[in-house]
Protein backbone atom coordinates (compact mmCIF):
# COMPACT_ATOMS: atom_id res chain seq x y z
CA MET A 1 0.00 0.00 0.00
CA GLU A 2 1.38 3.36 -1.03
CA LEU A 3 0.93 6.34 1.28
CA LEU A 4 0.37 9.63 -0.53
CA LEU A 5 1.22 12.88 1.22
CA PHE A 6 -0.18 16.19 0.06
CA ASP A 7 1.15 19.63 0.81
CA PRO A 8 -1.45 21.73 2.59
CA VAL A 9 -3.13 24.28 0.32
CA MET A 10 -3.16 27.95 1.39
CA PRO A 11 -6.50 29.76 1.27
CA HIS A 12 -7.21 31.83 -1.87
CA ILE A 13 -9.72 34.69 -1.58
CA ASN A 14 -11.55 35.79 -4.72
CA PRO A 15 -11.13 39.57 -5.07
CA PHE A 16 -14.17 41.64 -4.05
CA TYR A 17 -14.85 45.35 -4.27
CA VAL A 18 -17.50 48.05 -4.04
CA ASP A 19 -18.54 48.77 -7.63
CA ASP A 20 -20.98 51.65 -7.12
CA GLU A 21 -20.81 55.01 -5.42
CA ILE A 22 -22.10 54.65 -1.88
CA TYR A 23 -24.13 57.40 -0.20
CA ASN A 24 -25.45 57.89 3.33
CA GLY A 25 -28.27 55.43 3.95
CA ASP A 26 -27.29 52.99 1.17
CA SER A 27 -26.95 49.28 1.90
CA VAL A 28 -23.57 47.64 1.22
CA GLN A 29 -22.62 43.96 0.94
CA LEU A 30 -19.14 42.48 0.56
CA ASN A 31 -18.81 38.75 -0.12
CA CYS A 32 -15.57 37.05 0.87
CA HIS A 33 -15.33 33.71 -0.94
CA VAL A 34 -12.39 31.37 -0.35
CA SER A 35 -12.20 29.41 -3.61
CA LYS A 36 -9.17 27.28 -2.71
CA GLY A 37 -7.57 25.99 0.44
CA ASP A 38 -7.79 23.06 2.80
CA LYS A 39 -10.56 22.88 5.35
CA PRO A 40 -11.20 23.67 8.08
CA LEU A 41 -11.15 27.37 7.25
CA THR A 42 -11.66 30.32 9.55
CA ILE A 43 -12.87 33.52 7.88
CA ARG A 44 -12.69 36.87 9.71
CA TRP A 45 -13.45 40.48 8.82
CA SER A 46 -11.58 43.54 10.05
CA PHE A 47 -12.01 47.30 9.67
CA HIS A 48 -8.81 49.37 9.81
CA GLY A 49 -7.06 46.36 11.35
CA GLU A 50 -9.60 45.85 14.15
CA GLU A 51 -11.57 42.60 14.08
CA LEU A 52 -15.26 43.06 13.29
CA SER A 53 -18.05 41.04 14.73
CA SER A 54 -21.34 42.85 14.50
CA HIS A 55 -21.35 46.49 15.57
CA MET A 56 -21.82 49.98 14.12
CA GLY A 57 -24.64 48.67 11.91
CA ILE A 58 -22.30 46.07 10.39
CA GLU A 59 -23.21 42.38 10.36
CA THR A 60 -21.07 39.42 9.34
CA THR A 61 -22.72 36.17 8.29
CA LYS A 62 -21.06 32.83 7.56
CA LEU A 63 -22.30 31.30 4.30
CA GLY A 64 -21.29 27.64 4.26
CA ASP A 65 -17.67 26.56 4.74
CA ARG A 66 -16.05 28.95 2.26
CA SER A 67 -17.85 32.31 2.33
CA SER A 68 -18.66 35.17 4.67
CA LEU A 69 -20.92 38.13 3.94
CA LEU A 70 -20.36 41.58 5.44
CA THR A 71 -23.49 43.74 5.40
CA ILE A 72 -23.85 47.42 6.26
CA THR A 73 -27.57 48.08 6.47
CA SER A 74 -27.36 51.87 6.35
CA ALA A 75 -24.00 53.35 5.36
CA MET A 76 -22.70 56.52 7.00
CA ALA A 77 -19.43 58.44 6.93
CA ALA A 78 -18.07 56.40 9.88
CA HIS A 79 -18.13 53.31 7.63
CA THR A 80 -15.57 54.85 5.24
CA GLY A 81 -12.33 52.89 5.32
CA ASN A 82 -10.58 49.63 4.55
CA TYR A 83 -12.35 46.29 5.00
CA THR A 84 -10.22 43.16 5.12
CA CYS A 85 -11.28 39.55 4.85
CA THR A 86 -8.79 37.06 6.30
CA ALA A 87 -8.90 33.32 5.69
CA ILE A 88 -6.91 30.98 7.91
CA ASN A 89 -6.19 27.26 7.65
CA ARG A 90 -3.37 24.91 8.67
CA ALA A 91 -1.32 25.94 5.61
CA GLY A 92 -1.35 29.65 6.46
CA THR A 93 -3.21 32.95 6.29
CA THR A 94 -4.38 35.01 3.32
CA SER A 95 -6.05 38.44 3.36
CA TYR A 96 -7.77 40.69 0.84
CA THR A 97 -8.61 44.35 1.47
CA THR A 98 -10.97 46.73 -0.30
CA ALA A 99 -11.73 50.39 0.35
CA LEU A 100 -15.19 51.80 0.94
CA HIS A 101 -15.95 55.51 0.68
CA VAL A 102 -19.34 56.77 1.82
CA ASN A 103 -20.39 60.02 0.14
CA GLY A 104 -22.90 62.51 1.53
CA THR A 105 -26.51 62.64 0.34
CA SER A 106 -27.16 60.91 -2.97
CA PRO A 107 -28.05 63.06 -6.00
CA ILE A 108 -31.48 61.35 -6.12
CA GLY A 109 -32.12 62.08 -2.43
CA ARG A 110 -31.07 65.70 -2.93
CA LYS A 111 -33.44 66.05 -5.91
CA ASN A 112 -36.37 64.51 -3.96
CA ALA A 113 -35.65 66.90 -1.07
CA GLY A 114 -35.70 69.88 -3.46
CA ILE A 115 -31.95 70.52 -3.10
CA SER A 116 -29.92 71.43 -6.18
């Protein structure tokens, strides 16, 4: 009987980003999907280097073994910054960071409020 040994596979995070302009009150979702890497995996979110759980109107939700969803239900200026997803397994640690910028009132909201 031949014994096969495999090198552990590091986690690989699919890149994610915010593709629209975000204004006060908008909802934001970031999906961190680990497409490669040995299980078990631990997936964590951080904001400016501080680990996030669920605070400041931000929720993190585990989606199966390989994904985690970060949701901001109502964006505000305090949410502007760098969001990092970190995936950890026995082979090592991988992180991916994206920037979020929350603008003031949306042009549509300004128009509906009669502001030019």
